[in-house]
């Protein structure tokens, strides 16, 4: 079992202390097979692009007009799937804001036993949340659910990925690297340079699929039988799951 934890704290000394205690807890769990990863951030801006990676985020912001609750609220508005924990120091979050659903409040100084509890929470959350794929571009990284991928096309030195919501991403790798992470039952090569999500097919006609974003992707007539067989088998499984 593994878990991913972020420390967001604008106090360098407190941030280093959290890193030390978390490192001890990580090392104590190695013999049991648990693998704990953590990263440390001094600002919201640094954390934001990576927010979807984490199972738990520990927050305390005191050095500006903003505080940890404001940061936590912004993270929720940006879309996260993790446990948020506020660590009170200069700001008493419980007194200032009261209890908030989905946010745990602790008081500094945090002790080793607190990090045992935090890691336990992160491990439990990691076990129940749907896994995301990490997509690395030249300058950015995205974390997406497999079903957010509509199709992907190998462009030679990068892979163009069409995502739901009229989004796209340039993966700094070949298509084969992405395809190896995808569920074979839902994704299919239509040719050597194209993989589609069969769940994102709106319709098919002749030798082409029309995707949910309106794109029309053609496939070889030589592979038509195998491709349509896989598409129809998935459609039948969907019907059975509804009944």
C-alpha atoms as a PDB file:
ATOM      1  CA  UNK A   1       0.000   0.000   0.000  1.00  0.00           C
ATOM      2  CA  UNK A   2       1.200   3.533  -0.727  1.00  0.00           C
ATOM      3  CA  UNK A   3       0.117   7.110  -0.101  1.00  0.00           C
ATOM      4  CA  UNK A   4       1.066  10.579  -1.330  1.00  0.00           C
ATOM      5  CA  UNK A   5       1.202  13.509   1.093  1.00  0.00           C
ATOM      6  CA  UNK A   6       1.857  17.232   0.580  1.00  0.00           C
ATOM      7  CA  UNK A   7       3.018  19.736   3.195  1.00  0.00           C
ATOM      8  CA  UNK A   8       1.912  23.314   2.424  1.00  0.00           C
ATOM      9  CA  UNK A   9       3.429  25.640   5.026  1.00  0.00           C
ATOM     10  CA  UNK A  10       4.893  29.119   4.524  1.00  0.00           C
ATOM     11  CA  UNK A  11       6.907  28.912   7.753  1.00  0.00           C
ATOM     12  CA  UNK A  12      10.257  27.315   6.777  1.00  0.00           C
ATOM     13  CA  UNK A  13      11.017  26.053  10.289  1.00  0.00           C
ATOM     14  CA  UNK A  14       7.595  24.447  10.719  1.00  0.00           C
ATOM     15  CA  UNK A  15       7.813  22.988   7.226  1.00  0.00           C
ATOM     16  CA  UNK A  16      11.191  21.391   7.976  1.00  0.00           C
ATOM     17  CA  UNK A  17       9.894  19.980  11.257  1.00  0.00           C
ATOM     18  CA  UNK A  18       6.921  18.391   9.478  1.00  0.00           C
ATOM     19  CA  UNK A  19       9.294  16.923   6.899  1.00  0.00           C
ATOM     20  CA  UNK A  20      11.448  15.388   9.646  1.00  0.00           C
ATOM     21  CA  UNK A  21       8.516  13.817  11.489  1.00  0.00           C
ATOM     22  CA  UNK A  22       6.938  12.575   8.288  1.00  0.00           C
ATOM     23  CA  UNK A  23      10.260  11.107   7.194  1.00  0.00           C
ATOM     24  CA  UNK A  24      10.478   9.155  10.459  1.00  0.00           C
ATOM     25  CA  UNK A  25       6.946   7.824  10.008  1.00  0.00           C
ATOM     26  CA  UNK A  26       7.731   6.865   6.408  1.00  0.00           C
ATOM     27  CA  UNK A  27      10.841   4.946   7.466  1.00  0.00           C
ATOM     28  CA  UNK A  28       8.972   3.172  10.286  1.00  0.00           C
ATOM     29  CA  UNK A  29       6.495   1.756   7.768  1.00  0.00           C
ATOM     30  CA  UNK A  30       8.986   0.378   5.278  1.00  0.00           C
ATOM     31  CA  UNK A  31       9.191  -3.091   6.938  1.00  0.00           C
ATOM     32  CA  UNK A  32       5.403  -3.481   6.648  1.00  0.00           C
ATOM     33  CA  UNK A  33       5.499  -2.804   2.904  1.00  0.00           C
ATOM     34  CA  UNK A  34       3.827   0.611   3.039  1.00  0.00           C
ATOM     35  CA  UNK A  35       5.441   3.194   0.769  1.00  0.00           C
ATOM     36  CA  UNK A  36       4.884   6.822   1.745  1.00  0.00           C
ATOM     37  CA  UNK A  37       5.774   9.660  -0.631  1.00  0.00           C
ATOM     38  CA  UNK A  38       5.747  13.302   0.381  1.00  0.00           C
ATOM     39  CA  UNK A  39       6.531  16.706  -1.087  1.00  0.00           C
ATOM     40  CA  UNK A  40       6.894  20.068   0.626  1.00  0.00           C
ATOM     41  CA  UNK A  41       5.668  23.455  -0.654  1.00  0.00           C
ATOM     42  CA  UNK A  42       6.033  26.984   0.639  1.00  0.00           C
ATOM     43  CA  UNK A  43       3.214  28.493  -1.427  1.00  0.00           C
ATOM     44  CA  UNK A  44      -0.168  27.648  -2.886  1.00  0.00           C
ATOM     45  CA  UNK A  45       1.060  28.536  -6.353  1.00  0.00           C
ATOM     46  CA  UNK A  46       3.765  25.869  -6.201  1.00  0.00           C
ATOM     47  CA  UNK A  47       1.350  23.178  -4.996  1.00  0.00           C
ATOM     48  CA  UNK A  48      -1.605  23.931  -7.258  1.00  0.00           C
ATOM     49  CA  UNK A  49      -0.409  22.206 -10.477  1.00  0.00           C
ATOM     50  CA  UNK A  50       0.249  18.986  -8.511  1.00  0.00           C
ATOM     51  CA  UNK A  51      -2.806  19.006  -6.199  1.00  0.00           C
ATOM     52  CA  UNK A  52      -4.487  15.953  -7.749  1.00  0.00           C
ATOM     53  CA  UNK A  53      -1.517  13.745  -6.955  1.00  0.00           C
ATOM     54  CA  UNK A  54      -2.058  13.712  -3.207  1.00  0.00           C
ATOM     55  CA  UNK A  55      -4.109  11.666  -0.765  1.00  0.00           C
ATOM     56  CA  UNK A  56      -3.627  14.187   2.068  1.00  0.00           C
ATOM     57  CA  UNK A  57      -2.507  17.831   2.197  1.00  0.00           C
ATOM     58  CA  UNK A  58      -1.298  19.351   5.485  1.00  0.00           C
ATOM     59  CA  UNK A  59      -1.737  23.157   5.439  1.00  0.00           C
ATOM     60  CA  UNK A  60      -0.757  26.200   7.476  1.00  0.00           C
ATOM     61  CA  UNK A  61      -0.466  29.676   5.913  1.00  0.00           C
ATOM     62  CA  UNK A  62       0.215  32.628   8.229  1.00  0.00           C
ATOM     63  CA  UNK A  63       2.711  34.961   6.546  1.00  0.00           C
ATOM     64  CA  UNK A  64       0.286  36.929   4.361  1.00  0.00           C
ATOM     65  CA  UNK A  65      -3.242  38.319   4.314  1.00  0.00           C
ATOM     66  CA  UNK A  66      -4.400  34.815   3.433  1.00  0.00           C
ATOM     67  CA  UNK A  67      -4.503  31.885   5.820  1.00  0.00           C
ATOM     68  CA  UNK A  68      -4.687  28.102   5.618  1.00  0.00           C
ATOM     69  CA  UNK A  69      -8.476  27.930   5.426  1.00  0.00           C
ATOM     70  CA  UNK A  70      -8.464  30.281   2.436  1.00  0.00           C
ATOM     71  CA  UNK A  71      -5.875  28.056   0.768  1.00  0.00           C
ATOM     72  CA  UNK A  72      -7.908  24.928   1.564  1.00  0.00           C
ATOM     73  CA  UNK A  73     -11.073  26.519   0.154  1.00  0.00           C
ATOM     74  CA  UNK A  74      -9.287  27.451  -3.062  1.00  0.00           C
ATOM     75  CA  UNK A  75      -7.944  23.903  -3.421  1.00  0.00           C
ATOM     76  CA  UNK A  76     -11.476  22.518  -3.065  1.00  0.00           C
ATOM     77  CA  UNK A  77     -12.738  24.953  -5.697  1.00  0.00           C
ATOM     78  CA  UNK A  78      -9.917  23.841  -8.007  1.00  0.00           C
ATOM     79  CA  UNK A  79     -11.018  20.225  -7.641  1.00  0.00           C
ATOM     80  CA  UNK A  80      -9.188  17.820  -5.357  1.00  0.00           C
ATOM     81  CA  UNK A  81      -9.712  14.272  -4.148  1.00  0.00           C
ATOM     82  CA  UNK A  82      -7.846  14.132  -0.852  1.00  0.00           C
ATOM     83  CA  UNK A  83      -8.036  14.710   2.887  1.00  0.00           C
ATOM     84  CA  UNK A  84      -7.296  18.313   3.902  1.00  0.00           C
ATOM     85  CA  UNK A  85      -5.719  18.996   7.306  1.00  0.00           C
ATOM     86  CA  UNK A  86      -5.210  22.441   8.826  1.00  0.00           C
ATOM     87  CA  UNK A  87      -2.443  22.827  11.416  1.00  0.00           C
ATOM     88  CA  UNK A  88      -3.188  25.801  13.683  1.00  0.00           C
ATOM     89  CA  UNK A  89      -0.315  28.012  14.820  1.00  0.00           C
ATOM     90  CA  UNK A  90      -0.830  31.800  14.665  1.00  0.00           C
ATOM     91  CA  UNK A  91      -4.336  31.250  13.306  1.00  0.00           C
ATOM     92  CA  UNK A  92      -6.769  29.228  15.411  1.00  0.00           C
ATOM     93  CA  UNK A  93      -8.756  27.767  12.530  1.00  0.00           C
ATOM     94  CA  UNK A  94     -11.361  26.102  14.743  1.00  0.00           C
ATOM     95  CA  UNK A  95     -12.103  29.349  16.614  1.00  0.00           C
ATOM     96  CA  UNK A  96     -12.073  31.519  13.486  1.00  0.00           C
ATOM     97  CA  UNK A  97     -14.036  29.284  11.131  1.00  0.00           C
ATOM     98  CA  UNK A  98     -15.633  26.536  13.207  1.00  0.00           C
ATOM     99  CA  UNK A  99     -15.804  22.995  11.893  1.00  0.00           C
ATOM    100  CA  UNK A 100     -15.771  22.404   8.132  1.00  0.00           C
ATOM    101  CA  UNK A 101     -16.879  19.213   6.430  1.00  0.00           C
ATOM    102  CA  UNK A 102     -13.968  17.367   4.888  1.00  0.00           C
ATOM    103  CA  UNK A 103     -11.294  19.356   6.764  1.00  0.00           C
ATOM    104  CA  UNK A 104      -9.488  18.062   9.853  1.00  0.00           C
ATOM    105  CA  UNK A 105      -7.999  20.652  12.244  1.00  0.00           C
ATOM    106  CA  UNK A 106      -4.974  19.969  14.465  1.00  0.00           C
ATOM    107  CA  UNK A 107      -2.921  22.290  16.669  1.00  0.00           C
ATOM    108  CA  UNK A 108       0.806  22.880  16.413  1.00  0.00           C
ATOM    109  CA  UNK A 109       3.265  21.772  17.553  1.00  0.00           C
ATOM    110  CA  UNK A 110       2.524  18.521  15.775  1.00  0.00           C
ATOM    111  CA  UNK A 111       3.988  15.427  17.403  1.00  0.00           C
ATOM    112  CA  UNK A 112       5.162  12.107  15.990  1.00  0.00           C
ATOM    113  CA  UNK A 113       1.849  10.498  16.973  1.00  0.00           C
ATOM    114  CA  UNK A 114       0.026  13.113  14.888  1.00  0.00           C
ATOM    115  CA  UNK A 115       1.919  12.035  11.791  1.00  0.00           C
ATOM    116  CA  UNK A 116       1.067   8.407  12.439  1.00  0.00           C
ATOM    117  CA  UNK A 117      -2.612   9.431  12.382  1.00  0.00           C
ATOM    118  CA  UNK A 118      -2.136  11.560   9.262  1.00  0.00           C
ATOM    119  CA  UNK A 119      -0.386   8.785   7.359  1.00  0.00           C
ATOM    120  CA  UNK A 120      -3.099   6.308   8.384  1.00  0.00           C
ATOM    121  CA  UNK A 121      -5.690   8.717   6.957  1.00  0.00           C
ATOM    122  CA  UNK A 122      -3.724   9.130   3.729  1.00  0.00           C
ATOM    123  CA  UNK A 123      -3.354   5.365   3.266  1.00  0.00           C
ATOM    124  CA  UNK A 124      -7.086   4.819   3.801  1.00  0.00           C
ATOM    125  CA  UNK A 125      -7.950   7.552   1.324  1.00  0.00           C
ATOM    126  CA  UNK A 126      -5.544   6.196  -1.273  1.00  0.00           C
ATOM    127  CA  UNK A 127      -7.178   2.763  -1.025  1.00  0.00           C
ATOM    128  CA  UNK A 128     -10.663   4.023  -1.946  1.00  0.00           C
ATOM    129  CA  UNK A 129     -10.099   6.794  -4.456  1.00  0.00           C
ATOM    130  CA  UNK A 130     -10.005   6.031  -8.204  1.00  0.00           C
ATOM    131  CA  UNK A 131      -6.453   5.932  -9.578  1.00  0.00           C
ATOM    132  CA  UNK A 132      -5.302   8.760 -11.809  1.00  0.00           C
ATOM    133  CA  UNK A 133      -2.745   8.663 -14.581  1.00  0.00           C
ATOM    134  CA  UNK A 134       0.202  11.045 -14.390  1.00  0.00           C
ATOM    135  CA  UNK A 135       0.724  12.753 -17.741  1.00  0.00           C
ATOM    136  CA  UNK A 136       4.034  14.579 -18.101  1.00  0.00           C
ATOM    137  CA  UNK A 137       4.478  17.280 -20.706  1.00  0.00           C
ATOM    138  CA  UNK A 138       7.501  19.442 -21.473  1.00  0.00           C
ATOM    139  CA  UNK A 139       6.527  22.085 -18.897  1.00  0.00           C
ATOM    140  CA  UNK A 140       3.474  20.763 -17.057  1.00  0.00           C
ATOM    141  CA  UNK A 141       2.016  17.644 -15.499  1.00  0.00           C
ATOM    142  CA  UNK A 142      -1.633  16.564 -15.470  1.00  0.00           C
ATOM    143  CA  UNK A 143      -3.376  13.936 -13.354  1.00  0.00           C
ATOM    144  CA  UNK A 144      -6.415  12.453 -15.072  1.00  0.00           C
ATOM    145  CA  UNK A 145      -8.846   9.605 -14.660  1.00  0.00           C
ATOM    146  CA  UNK A 146      -8.592   7.066 -17.503  1.00  0.00           C
ATOM    147  CA  UNK A 147     -12.139   7.816 -18.664  1.00  0.00           C
ATOM    148  CA  UNK A 148     -11.195  11.471 -19.151  1.00  0.00           C
ATOM    149  CA  UNK A 149      -9.045  10.336 -22.101  1.00  0.00           C
ATOM    150  CA  UNK A 150     -11.072  10.269 -25.327  1.00  0.00           C
ATOM    151  CA  UNK A 151      -8.254   9.268 -27.662  1.00  0.00           C
ATOM    152  CA  UNK A 152      -4.523   9.701 -28.168  1.00  0.00           C
ATOM    153  CA  UNK A 153      -2.443  10.056 -31.319  1.00  0.00           C
ATOM    154  CA  UNK A 154       1.291   9.542 -31.697  1.00  0.00           C
ATOM    155  CA  UNK A 155       2.878  12.622 -33.274  1.00  0.00           C
ATOM    156  CA  UNK A 156       6.422  11.291 -33.352  1.00  0.00           C
ATOM    157  CA  UNK A 157       8.196  13.281 -30.679  1.00  0.00           C
ATOM    158  CA  UNK A 158       5.079  13.685 -28.521  1.00  0.00           C
ATOM    159  CA  UNK A 159       1.583  12.228 -28.084  1.00  0.00           C
ATOM    160  CA  UNK A 160      -1.516  14.388 -28.471  1.00  0.00           C
ATOM    161  CA  UNK A 161      -4.200  13.387 -25.955  1.00  0.00           C
ATOM    162  CA  UNK A 162      -7.805  14.562 -26.337  1.00  0.00           C
ATOM    163  CA  UNK A 163      -9.522  14.886 -22.965  1.00  0.00           C
ATOM    164  CA  UNK A 164     -13.125  15.385 -21.933  1.00  0.00           C
ATOM    165  CA  UNK A 165     -14.310  18.955 -21.456  1.00  0.00           C
ATOM    166  CA  UNK A 166     -12.703  20.159 -24.715  1.00  0.00           C
ATOM    167  CA  UNK A 167      -9.229  19.806 -23.207  1.00  0.00           C
ATOM    168  CA  UNK A 168      -6.038  18.432 -24.707  1.00  0.00           C
ATOM    169  CA  UNK A 169      -2.553  17.567 -23.471  1.00  0.00           C
ATOM    170  CA  UNK A 170       0.813  17.124 -25.167  1.00  0.00           C
ATOM    171  CA  UNK A 171       2.469  14.093 -23.568  1.00  0.00           C
ATOM    172  CA  UNK A 172       6.264  14.223 -23.773  1.00  0.00           C
ATOM    173  CA  UNK A 173       6.478  10.521 -24.632  1.00  0.00           C
ATOM    174  CA  UNK A 174       5.443   8.006 -27.264  1.00  0.00           C
ATOM    175  CA  UNK A 175       1.933   6.583 -27.462  1.00  0.00           C
ATOM    176  CA  UNK A 176       3.130   3.140 -26.354  1.00  0.00           C
ATOM    177  CA  UNK A 177       4.109   4.554 -22.942  1.00  0.00           C
ATOM    178  CA  UNK A 178       0.562   5.792 -22.390  1.00  0.00           C
ATOM    179  CA  UNK A 179      -1.129   2.710 -23.828  1.00  0.00           C
ATOM    180  CA  UNK A 180       0.735   0.432 -21.425  1.00  0.00           C
ATOM    181  CA  UNK A 181      -1.065   2.168 -18.517  1.00  0.00           C
ATOM    182  CA  UNK A 182      -4.571   1.875 -19.973  1.00  0.00           C
ATOM    183  CA  UNK A 183      -7.164  -0.806 -19.382  1.00  0.00           C
ATOM    184  CA  UNK A 184      -7.237  -3.067 -22.442  1.00  0.00           C
ATOM    185  CA  UNK A 185     -10.989  -3.668 -22.110  1.00  0.00           C
ATOM    186  CA  UNK A 186     -11.794   0.012 -22.590  1.00  0.00           C
ATOM    187  CA  UNK A 187      -9.034   1.232 -24.899  1.00  0.00           C
ATOM    188  CA  UNK A 188      -8.161   0.019 -28.367  1.00  0.00           C
ATOM    189  CA  UNK A 189      -5.531   0.673 -31.030  1.00  0.00           C
ATOM    190  CA  UNK A 190      -7.314   1.622 -34.245  1.00  0.00           C
ATOM    191  CA  UNK A 191      -3.960   1.884 -36.026  1.00  0.00           C
ATOM    192  CA  UNK A 192      -0.300   2.045 -35.033  1.00  0.00           C
ATOM    193  CA  UNK A 193      -0.553   5.713 -34.090  1.00  0.00           C
ATOM    194  CA  UNK A 194      -4.003   5.973 -32.518  1.00  0.00           C
ATOM    195  CA  UNK A 195      -5.608   4.639 -29.337  1.00  0.00           C
ATOM    196  CA  UNK A 196      -9.259   5.382 -28.581  1.00  0.00           C
ATOM    197  CA  UNK A 197     -11.439   5.070 -25.517  1.00  0.00           C
ATOM    198  CA  UNK A 198     -14.338   2.896 -26.657  1.00  0.00           C
ATOM    199  CA  UNK A 199     -16.492   4.486 -23.954  1.00  0.00           C
ATOM    200  CA  UNK A 200     -16.012   7.846 -25.700  1.00  0.00           C
ATOM    201  CA  UNK A 201     -17.353   6.674 -29.076  1.00  0.00           C
ATOM    202  CA  UNK A 202     -20.558   8.509 -29.975  1.00  0.00           C
ATOM    203  CA  UNK A 203     -21.244   6.483 -33.139  1.00  0.00           C
ATOM    204  CA  UNK A 204     -19.570   4.665 -35.990  1.00  0.00           C
ATOM    205  CA  UNK A 205     -20.155   4.655 -39.730  1.00  0.00           C
ATOM    206  CA  UNK A 206     -18.241   2.754 -42.380  1.00  0.00           C
ATOM    207  CA  UNK A 207     -14.581   2.713 -41.379  1.00  0.00           C
ATOM    208  CA  UNK A 208     -14.665   5.491 -38.812  1.00  0.00           C
ATOM    209  CA  UNK A 209     -15.697   6.356 -35.272  1.00  0.00           C
ATOM    210  CA  UNK A 210     -17.235   9.673 -34.289  1.00  0.00           C
ATOM    211  CA  UNK A 211     -15.967  10.578 -30.823  1.00  0.00           C
ATOM    212  CA  UNK A 212     -17.743  12.479 -28.065  1.00  0.00           C
ATOM    213  CA  UNK A 213     -15.839  15.664 -28.946  1.00  0.00           C
ATOM    214  CA  UNK A 214     -16.979  15.456 -32.577  1.00  0.00           C
ATOM    215  CA  UNK A 215     -13.678  14.173 -33.987  1.00  0.00           C
ATOM    216  CA  UNK A 216     -13.965  11.520 -36.693  1.00  0.00           C
ATOM    217  CA  UNK A 217     -11.235   8.875 -36.529  1.00  0.00           C
ATOM    218  CA  UNK A 218     -10.839   6.495 -39.425  1.00  0.00           C
ATOM    219  CA  UNK A 219      -9.506   2.955 -39.151  1.00  0.00           C
ATOM    220  CA  UNK A 220      -8.191   0.430 -41.649  1.00  0.00           C
ATOM    221  CA  UNK A 221     -10.711  -1.791 -43.412  1.00  0.00           C
ATOM    222  CA  UNK A 222      -8.295  -4.662 -42.746  1.00  0.00           C
ATOM    223  CA  UNK A 223      -8.873  -4.261 -38.988  1.00  0.00           C
ATOM    224  CA  UNK A 224     -12.568  -3.389 -39.211  1.00  0.00           C
ATOM    225  CA  UNK A 225     -13.830  -6.796 -38.059  1.00  0.00           C
ATOM    226  CA  UNK A 226     -11.621  -6.939 -34.939  1.00  0.00           C
ATOM    227  CA  UNK A 227     -12.263  -3.295 -34.022  1.00  0.00           C
ATOM    228  CA  UNK A 228     -16.045  -3.486 -34.345  1.00  0.00           C
ATOM    229  CA  UNK A 229     -16.076  -6.792 -32.481  1.00  0.00           C
ATOM    230  CA  UNK A 230     -14.368  -5.130 -29.507  1.00  0.00           C
ATOM    231  CA  UNK A 231     -16.697  -2.109 -29.716  1.00  0.00           C
ATOM    232  CA  UNK A 232     -19.853  -4.244 -29.789  1.00  0.00           C
ATOM    233  CA  UNK A 233     -18.606  -6.479 -26.974  1.00  0.00           C
ATOM    234  CA  UNK A 234     -18.147  -3.410 -24.767  1.00  0.00           C
ATOM    235  CA  UNK A 235     -21.635  -2.165 -25.681  1.00  0.00           C
ATOM    236  CA  UNK A 236     -23.099  -5.529 -24.675  1.00  0.00           C
ATOM    237  CA  UNK A 237     -21.289  -5.422 -21.328  1.00  0.00           C
ATOM    238  CA  UNK A 238     -22.747  -1.975 -20.682  1.00  0.00           C
ATOM    239  CA  UNK A 239     -26.265  -3.230 -21.354  1.00  0.00           C
ATOM    240  CA  UNK A 240     -25.815  -6.186 -19.028  1.00  0.00           C
ATOM    241  CA  UNK A 241     -24.476  -3.967 -16.247  1.00  0.00           C
ATOM    242  CA  UNK A 242     -27.592  -1.768 -16.473  1.00  0.00           C
ATOM    243  CA  UNK A 243     -30.032  -4.691 -16.373  1.00  0.00           C
END
